[in-house]
Protein backbone atom coordinates (compact mmCIF):
# COMPACT_ATOMS: atom_id res chain seq x y z
CA MET A 1 16.42 -70.87 22.03
CA ALA A 2 18.57 -74.00 22.32
CA THR A 3 22.05 -74.01 23.89
CA LEU A 4 24.92 -76.44 23.45
CA ASP A 5 27.58 -76.98 26.12
CA ILE A 6 30.37 -79.39 27.10
CA LYS A 7 31.25 -80.33 30.67
CA LEU A 8 34.16 -82.54 31.64
CA LYS A 9 34.04 -84.83 34.67
CA ARG A 10 37.18 -83.25 36.14
CA VAL A 11 36.58 -79.71 37.30
CA ASN A 12 40.25 -78.71 36.87
CA LYS A 13 40.28 -80.15 33.31
CA ILE A 14 43.75 -81.67 33.89
CA TYR A 15 44.48 -85.03 32.24
CA HIS A 16 47.49 -87.22 31.47
CA GLU A 17 48.45 -89.23 28.43
CA GLY A 18 46.85 -92.68 28.51
CA GLU A 19 43.83 -91.57 30.54
CA VAL A 20 40.26 -91.26 29.29
CA LEU A 21 38.71 -87.86 28.62
CA ALA A 22 35.15 -88.17 29.92
CA GLY A 23 32.26 -85.75 30.15
CA VAL A 24 28.84 -84.87 28.80
CA VAL A 25 27.44 -82.81 25.93
CA ILE A 26 24.48 -80.80 27.22
CA VAL A 27 21.60 -79.67 25.01
CA GLN A 28 19.07 -77.40 26.70
CA SER A 29 15.96 -75.82 25.21
CA LYS A 30 12.45 -74.70 26.16
CA THR A 31 11.03 -76.49 23.12
CA ASP A 32 11.80 -79.64 21.14
CA VAL A 33 15.04 -79.43 19.13
CA GLN A 34 15.27 -81.02 15.69
CA HIS A 35 18.84 -81.92 14.70
CA GLN A 36 20.88 -83.83 12.14
CA GLY A 37 23.28 -85.39 14.65
CA ILE A 38 26.00 -84.29 17.10
CA THR A 39 29.68 -84.96 16.41
CA LEU A 40 32.46 -84.60 18.97
CA THR A 41 35.97 -83.76 17.74
CA ILE A 42 39.12 -83.85 19.84
CA ASP A 43 42.27 -82.06 18.74
CA GLY A 44 45.77 -81.53 20.09
CA SER A 45 48.38 -79.63 18.14
CA VAL A 46 51.54 -77.54 18.27
CA ASN A 47 51.32 -74.23 16.41
CA LEU A 48 54.54 -72.45 15.47
CA GLN A 49 55.31 -69.02 14.11
CA LEU A 50 58.36 -66.81 13.67
CA SER A 51 58.79 -63.39 15.22
CA SER A 52 58.56 -60.31 13.02
CA LYS A 53 62.34 -59.84 13.09
CA SER A 54 62.81 -63.29 11.51
CA VAL A 55 60.27 -62.83 8.70
CA GLY A 56 61.81 -63.64 5.33
CA LEU A 57 64.89 -65.36 6.76
CA PHE A 58 63.61 -68.91 6.56
CA GLU A 59 61.38 -69.40 3.51
CA ALA A 60 61.46 -73.17 3.98
CA PHE A 61 59.93 -72.72 7.44
CA TYR A 62 56.88 -70.96 6.00
CA ASN A 63 56.47 -73.70 3.42
CA SER A 64 56.29 -76.36 6.15
CA VAL A 65 54.80 -74.39 9.05
CA LYS A 66 51.74 -76.56 9.47
CA PRO A 67 50.37 -77.39 12.93
CA ILE A 68 51.99 -80.52 14.35
CA GLN A 69 49.12 -82.88 15.15
CA LEU A 70 49.61 -84.71 18.43
CA LEU A 71 46.07 -85.91 19.06
CA THR A 72 43.04 -86.15 16.79
CA GLY A 73 39.77 -88.06 16.55
CA SER A 74 36.01 -87.77 16.34
CA LEU A 75 32.92 -89.68 17.39
CA GLN A 76 29.17 -89.35 16.97
CA VAL A 77 27.40 -88.80 20.29
CA ALA A 78 23.86 -88.50 18.86
CA LYS A 79 22.23 -89.66 15.64
CA PRO A 80 19.81 -87.40 13.71
CA GLY A 81 16.52 -86.97 15.53
CA LYS A 82 14.79 -84.71 18.04
CA PHE A 83 15.65 -83.69 21.60
CA PRO A 84 12.71 -83.11 23.95
CA ALA A 85 12.23 -79.79 25.72
CA GLY A 86 14.39 -79.41 28.80
CA LYS A 87 17.93 -80.60 29.47
CA THR A 88 19.52 -83.55 27.66
CA GLU A 89 22.94 -84.92 28.63
CA LEU A 90 24.95 -87.12 26.28
CA ALA A 91 27.91 -88.89 27.89
CA PHE A 92 31.16 -89.45 26.01
CA GLU A 93 34.59 -90.97 26.59
CA PHE A 94 37.74 -90.54 24.52
CA PRO A 95 41.16 -92.18 25.12
CA LEU A 96 44.04 -89.70 25.22
CA LYS A 97 46.55 -91.45 23.01
CA ALA A 98 49.02 -89.63 20.77
CA LYS A 99 49.15 -90.20 17.03
CA GLY A 100 51.68 -92.78 15.86
CA SER A 101 55.01 -92.52 17.65
CA ARG A 102 54.42 -88.98 18.92
CA LYS A 103 53.92 -88.05 22.58
CA LEU A 104 51.57 -85.57 24.20
CA PHE A 105 53.48 -82.49 25.32
CA GLU A 106 52.26 -80.41 28.24
CA THR A 107 49.79 -77.62 27.51
CA TYR A 108 51.70 -74.40 26.89
CA HIS A 109 50.66 -70.93 25.69
CA GLY A 110 53.72 -69.11 24.42
CA VAL A 111 54.36 -66.30 21.97
CA PHE A 112 55.86 -68.33 19.12
CA VAL A 113 55.06 -71.86 20.33
CA ASN A 114 51.55 -72.85 21.36
CA ILE A 115 50.58 -76.37 22.54
CA GLN A 116 46.82 -76.67 22.94
CA TYR A 117 44.23 -79.43 23.37
CA THR A 118 40.54 -78.87 22.66
CA VAL A 119 37.30 -80.81 22.42
CA LYS A 120 34.53 -79.48 20.17
CA ALA A 121 30.88 -80.47 19.75
CA ASP A 122 29.02 -79.71 16.50
CA MET A 123 25.24 -80.04 16.19
CA LYS A 124 23.85 -79.94 12.66
CA ARG A 125 20.42 -78.36 12.33
CA PRO A 126 17.71 -78.53 9.64
CA LEU A 127 17.84 -76.29 6.59
CA LEU A 128 16.43 -73.07 8.08
CA ALA A 129 18.05 -73.43 11.52
CA LYS A 130 21.57 -72.36 12.42
CA ASP A 131 24.16 -75.02 13.22
CA MET A 132 25.52 -74.96 16.78
CA ALA A 133 29.05 -75.52 18.05
CA LYS A 134 30.85 -75.44 21.40
CA SER A 135 34.57 -75.82 22.05
CA ILE A 136 36.52 -75.99 25.33
CA GLU A 137 40.17 -76.49 26.20
CA PHE A 138 41.52 -79.19 28.49
CA ILE A 139 44.98 -79.39 30.02
CA ILE A 140 47.59 -82.10 29.47
CA GLU A 141 50.29 -82.57 32.12
CA TYR A 142 53.07 -85.13 32.40
CA THR A 143 52.70 -87.92 34.93
CA ASP A 144 55.12 -88.41 37.85
CA LYS A 145 56.75 -91.38 36.13
CA THR A 146 59.32 -89.19 34.41
CA SER A 147 62.87 -88.78 35.68
CA LYS A 148 63.19 -86.76 38.86
CA ALA A 149 64.98 -83.44 39.01
CA GLU A 150 68.46 -83.62 40.47
CA VAL A 151 68.82 -80.87 43.07
CA LYS A 152 72.13 -79.08 42.59
CA PRO A 153 72.65 -75.70 44.29
CA VAL A 154 74.10 -73.08 41.93
CA PRO A 155 76.29 -70.48 43.65
CA PHE A 156 77.09 -67.30 41.72
CA THR A 157 79.20 -64.17 42.15
CA VAL A 158 78.75 -61.13 39.93
CA THR A 159 81.14 -58.23 39.46
CA PRO A 160 81.71 -55.85 36.51
CA GLN A 161 84.59 -58.11 35.40
CA THR A 162 82.35 -61.21 35.14
CA LEU A 163 79.76 -59.63 32.80
CA GLN A 164 80.46 -60.74 29.25
CA ASN A 165 77.84 -58.47 27.65
CA ALA A 166 79.28 -55.40 29.41
CA LYS A 167 82.73 -56.21 28.02
CA GLU A 168 81.41 -56.67 24.48
CA GLN A 169 79.37 -53.46 24.53
CA LYS A 170 82.05 -51.54 26.50
CA VAL A 171 79.48 -50.36 29.03
CA SER A 172 80.73 -48.36 32.02
CA LEU A 173 79.36 -49.90 35.21
CA PRO A 174 79.76 -48.78 38.83
CA LYS A 175 81.87 -50.90 41.15
CA PHE A 176 79.77 -53.61 42.76
CA LYS A 177 79.78 -57.18 43.99
CA VAL A 178 76.75 -59.45 44.26
CA HIS A 179 76.71 -63.09 45.26
CA GLY A 180 74.07 -65.66 46.07
CA THR A 181 72.77 -69.16 45.41
CA LEU A 182 69.95 -70.76 43.45
CA ASP A 183 68.76 -73.85 45.31
CA SER A 184 68.74 -75.77 42.02
CA SER A 185 69.00 -75.17 38.28
CA SER A 186 66.64 -78.12 37.71
CA CYS A 187 63.22 -77.16 39.04
CA SER A 188 59.86 -78.86 39.43
CA ILE A 189 57.29 -76.85 37.49
CA THR A 190 54.79 -77.16 40.35
CA LYS A 191 57.23 -75.92 43.00
CA PRO A 192 58.70 -72.44 43.37
CA LEU A 193 62.16 -71.38 42.30
CA THR A 194 64.05 -70.53 45.49
CA GLY A 195 67.42 -69.17 46.52
CA HIS A 196 68.95 -65.97 47.84
CA VAL A 197 71.07 -63.02 46.76
CA ILE A 198 73.37 -60.72 48.78
CA VAL A 199 74.67 -57.32 47.70
CA ASP A 200 78.16 -57.08 49.18
CA GLU A 201 79.00 -53.65 47.84
CA CYS A 202 77.82 -51.09 45.29
CA ALA A 203 79.36 -47.69 44.56
CA VAL A 204 76.01 -46.09 43.67
CA PRO A 205 72.55 -46.28 45.28
CA ILE A 206 70.35 -49.15 44.16
CA LYS A 207 66.79 -48.47 43.07
CA SER A 208 65.46 -52.04 43.23
CA VAL A 209 66.38 -55.69 42.76
CA GLU A 210 64.15 -57.80 40.53
CA VAL A 211 64.01 -61.37 39.26
CA GLN A 212 62.61 -61.90 35.79
CA LEU A 213 61.49 -65.19 34.25
CA VAL A 214 62.09 -65.35 30.50
CA ARG A 215 61.02 -68.07 28.09
CA VAL A 216 63.31 -68.91 25.18
CA GLU A 217 61.40 -70.31 22.21
CA THR A 218 63.18 -71.72 19.17
CA CYS A 219 61.36 -72.45 15.91
CA GLY A 220 62.73 -73.59 12.57
CA CYS A 221 63.59 -76.38 10.20
CA ALA A 222 66.63 -77.79 8.40
CA GLU A 223 67.30 -74.39 6.81
CA GLY A 224 67.82 -72.69 10.16
CA TYR A 225 66.35 -71.80 13.53
CA ALA A 226 65.05 -68.54 15.00
CA ARG A 227 65.52 -68.06 18.73
CA ASP A 228 63.43 -65.51 20.62
CA ALA A 229 63.27 -64.63 24.31
CA THR A 230 60.15 -63.05 25.85
CA GLU A 231 59.29 -62.11 29.42
CA ILE A 232 56.83 -64.26 31.37
CA GLN A 233 56.85 -62.46 34.68
CA ASN A 234 58.90 -60.02 36.75
CA ILE A 235 58.95 -59.88 40.57
CA GLN A 236 60.63 -57.36 42.85
CA ILE A 237 62.62 -58.89 45.72
CA GLY A 238 64.21 -55.67 47.01
CA GLU A 239 63.14 -52.03 46.93
CA GLY A 240 65.31 -48.95 47.40
CA ASP A 241 68.97 -48.80 48.33
CA ILE A 242 69.03 -52.10 50.19
CA CYS A 243 71.45 -52.72 53.03
CA ARG A 244 74.73 -54.33 52.07
CA GLY A 245 75.35 -57.85 53.34
CA ILE A 246 71.64 -58.59 53.88
CA THR A 247 70.32 -61.93 52.56
CA ILE A 248 67.43 -61.34 50.16
CA PRO A 249 65.33 -64.49 49.58
CA ILE A 250 64.26 -65.50 46.06
CA HIS A 251 60.84 -67.16 45.76
CA MET A 252 59.21 -67.34 42.34
CA VAL A 253 56.17 -69.47 41.45
CA PHE A 254 56.03 -70.65 37.84
CA PRO A 255 52.81 -69.37 36.19
CA ARG A 256 51.04 -72.43 34.78
CA LEU A 257 50.02 -72.51 31.09
CA PHE A 258 52.66 -69.87 30.31
CA THR A 259 55.47 -72.20 31.38
CA CYS A 260 56.11 -75.84 30.61
CA PRO A 261 58.86 -78.38 31.27
CA THR A 262 61.91 -77.87 29.08
CA VAL A 263 61.16 -79.53 25.73
CA ALA A 264 63.24 -79.98 22.57
CA THR A 265 62.07 -81.47 19.26
CA THR A 266 63.11 -81.24 15.60
CA ASN A 267 60.97 -78.16 14.91
CA PHE A 268 60.78 -76.34 18.22
CA LYS A 269 62.37 -75.92 21.64
CA VAL A 270 61.17 -74.22 24.82
CA GLY A 271 63.50 -73.31 27.68
CA LYS A 272 63.64 -70.87 30.60
CA ILE A 273 66.08 -68.19 31.75
CA LYS A 274 66.05 -66.19 34.96
CA GLU A 275 67.45 -62.68 35.05
CA LEU A 276 68.63 -60.88 38.17
CA ARG A 277 68.18 -57.12 37.73
CA PRO A 278 69.60 -54.62 40.22
CA HIS A 279 68.21 -51.27 39.00
CA TYR A 280 70.11 -48.04 39.44
CA PRO A 281 68.50 -44.56 39.52
CA ASP A 282 70.06 -43.58 36.18
CA ILE A 283 68.03 -46.36 34.47
CA HIS A 284 71.12 -48.45 33.72
CA TYR A 285 70.83 -51.92 35.16
CA LEU A 286 72.70 -55.14 35.39
CA LEU A 287 71.55 -58.39 33.80
CA VAL A 288 72.69 -61.70 35.25
CA PHE A 289 71.43 -64.76 33.41
CA PHE A 290 70.74 -68.18 34.88
CA VAL A 291 69.75 -70.91 32.41
CA THR A 292 67.21 -73.20 34.06
CA HIS A 293 66.00 -76.68 33.21
CA VAL A 294 62.35 -77.01 34.18
CA GLN A 295 61.31 -80.55 35.07
CA PRO A 296 57.79 -82.07 35.04
CA ILE A 297 55.69 -82.36 38.16
CA CYS A 298 57.99 -84.70 40.10
CA MET A 299 60.83 -83.66 42.38
CA SER A 300 63.39 -85.64 44.36
CA THR A 301 63.24 -85.29 48.13
């Protein structure tokens, strides 16, 4: 039985706009393989969808919710003929250039926004044989020529009086005071988010202190936009009733593919929010939000 596979020259499959995607299409079989040609197709697109709570609100969005094509093209790597028994490798190269005036956004797998780049090989077979296909994903990242992140420490102090959501919902909170610093609100996506937090006082025992990374995805059109926040990851930085006045370090690595540099276009936006969560034994907890701008791979020193 014949097999069809694609292998890229770069093991990590990471490329940048303007580079050449290079690799080989591999056909392997114990016997001769008759075929009607092999075509290679490259595709890069942004797929959008609304959350279930926004269904029916924006009818115009559903009428125009087609994938946004960033990259497309095809080439023939083999003409109709016969491959001999054994392993046959067919080399290919494809320039990574966006369509028209568009740009290639970084690969991102979100809940309502998905930016994906794939290369697919299709081998047509004779009448009684089954056609074969193989598709793999490759990663697009920004180059280091973009503007560098400006490092600005962000100090914060949290008390019951500073929580806007607690005032609006008239929630009864214990007396407490928390302060700390984020090393920067503009972060390099390849470097960890760092900082520290200190619990000065708290009238009740603390169960744990956690930092949560949340992505904020916005989809829509001229009729309106739907904004949804979903959790990416949650890490615990303190367990139990931690000592007051102790510096607790914050160190969070951005999970690649599920995060991307902050991006805003006409039809979609992707941003990040961090949440500081001191948990109390009675399940009530405090949410402190820090809006973060995530930069590409470069970082000022």
